[in-house]
C-alpha atoms as a PDB file:
ATOM      1  CA  UNK A   1      -0.022  -0.030   0.027  1.00  0.00           C
ATOM      2  CA  UNK A   2       1.293   3.371  -0.965  1.00  0.00           C
ATOM      3  CA  UNK A   3       1.724   6.071   1.740  1.00  0.00           C
ATOM      4  CA  UNK A   4       0.119   9.220   0.512  1.00  0.00           C
ATOM      5  CA  UNK A   5       1.038  11.357   3.579  1.00  0.00           C
ATOM      6  CA  UNK A   6       3.200  14.373   2.936  1.00  0.00           C
ATOM      7  CA  UNK A   7       5.417  16.074   5.447  1.00  0.00           C
ATOM      8  CA  UNK A   8       2.600  18.333   6.652  1.00  0.00           C
ATOM      9  CA  UNK A   9       0.461  15.326   7.335  1.00  0.00           C
ATOM     10  CA  UNK A  10       3.280  13.632   9.261  1.00  0.00           C
ATOM     11  CA  UNK A  11       3.989  16.696  11.347  1.00  0.00           C
ATOM     12  CA  UNK A  12       0.246  17.043  12.101  1.00  0.00           C
ATOM     13  CA  UNK A  13      -0.096  13.387  13.141  1.00  0.00           C
ATOM     14  CA  UNK A  14       2.757  13.752  15.598  1.00  0.00           C
ATOM     15  CA  UNK A  15       1.381  17.008  16.913  1.00  0.00           C
ATOM     16  CA  UNK A  16      -1.963  15.311  17.303  1.00  0.00           C
ATOM     17  CA  UNK A  17      -0.393  12.504  19.313  1.00  0.00           C
ATOM     18  CA  UNK A  18       1.004  15.004  21.738  1.00  0.00           C
ATOM     19  CA  UNK A  19      -2.170  17.000  21.959  1.00  0.00           C
ATOM     20  CA  UNK A  20      -4.195  13.829  22.773  1.00  0.00           C
ATOM     21  CA  UNK A  21      -1.691  12.298  25.198  1.00  0.00           C
ATOM     22  CA  UNK A  22      -3.231  11.769  28.661  1.00  0.00           C
ATOM     23  CA  UNK A  23      -6.589  13.363  27.696  1.00  0.00           C
ATOM     24  CA  UNK A  24      -9.890  11.488  28.331  1.00  0.00           C
ATOM     25  CA  UNK A  25     -12.107  13.782  26.218  1.00  0.00           C
ATOM     26  CA  UNK A  26     -11.368  16.282  23.497  1.00  0.00           C
ATOM     27  CA  UNK A  27     -13.238  17.851  20.668  1.00  0.00           C
ATOM     28  CA  UNK A  28     -11.538  16.036  17.832  1.00  0.00           C
ATOM     29  CA  UNK A  29     -12.239  18.658  15.189  1.00  0.00           C
ATOM     30  CA  UNK A  30     -10.468  21.281  17.331  1.00  0.00           C
ATOM     31  CA  UNK A  31      -7.497  19.006  17.921  1.00  0.00           C
ATOM     32  CA  UNK A  32      -7.188  18.189  14.219  1.00  0.00           C
ATOM     33  CA  UNK A  33      -7.350  21.843  13.318  1.00  0.00           C
ATOM     34  CA  UNK A  34      -4.682  22.755  15.935  1.00  0.00           C
ATOM     35  CA  UNK A  35      -2.450  19.897  14.795  1.00  0.00           C
ATOM     36  CA  UNK A  36      -2.374  21.331  11.260  1.00  0.00           C
ATOM     37  CA  UNK A  37      -1.698  24.809  12.591  1.00  0.00           C
ATOM     38  CA  UNK A  38       1.218  23.378  14.481  1.00  0.00           C
ATOM     39  CA  UNK A  39       2.368  21.466  11.379  1.00  0.00           C
ATOM     40  CA  UNK A  40       2.223  24.600   9.292  1.00  0.00           C
ATOM     41  CA  UNK A  41       4.317  26.440  11.812  1.00  0.00           C
ATOM     42  CA  UNK A  42       6.912  23.643  11.843  1.00  0.00           C
ATOM     43  CA  UNK A  43       7.156  23.756   8.058  1.00  0.00           C
ATOM     44  CA  UNK A  44       7.564  27.571   8.173  1.00  0.00           C
ATOM     45  CA  UNK A  45      10.473  27.070  10.568  1.00  0.00           C
ATOM     46  CA  UNK A  46      12.165  24.618   8.271  1.00  0.00           C
ATOM     47  CA  UNK A  47      12.268  27.238   5.532  1.00  0.00           C
ATOM     48  CA  UNK A  48      13.079  30.217   7.785  1.00  0.00           C
ATOM     49  CA  UNK A  49      16.641  31.465   7.927  1.00  0.00           C
ATOM     50  CA  UNK A  50      18.656  29.818  10.630  1.00  0.00           C
ATOM     51  CA  UNK A  51      19.745  33.193  12.125  1.00  0.00           C
ATOM     52  CA  UNK A  52      17.161  35.827  11.179  1.00  0.00           C
ATOM     53  CA  UNK A  53      18.344  39.375  11.082  1.00  0.00           C
ATOM     54  CA  UNK A  54      17.392  41.578  14.007  1.00  0.00           C
ATOM     55  CA  UNK A  55      14.402  43.760  13.232  1.00  0.00           C
ATOM     56  CA  UNK A  56      14.853  47.199  14.807  1.00  0.00           C
END
């Protein structure tokens, strides 16, 4: 079976694992949305300069 998950999906899956760890009840739609927000932020950091210039 072919894996059709891209990097964003993988990051979101791992973020969701952390968000759900130790929780008995959560609104899954909210968790899924937050997981993709976290994944998008992680991807943005991958393409960001390693040492951003100071903004004065």
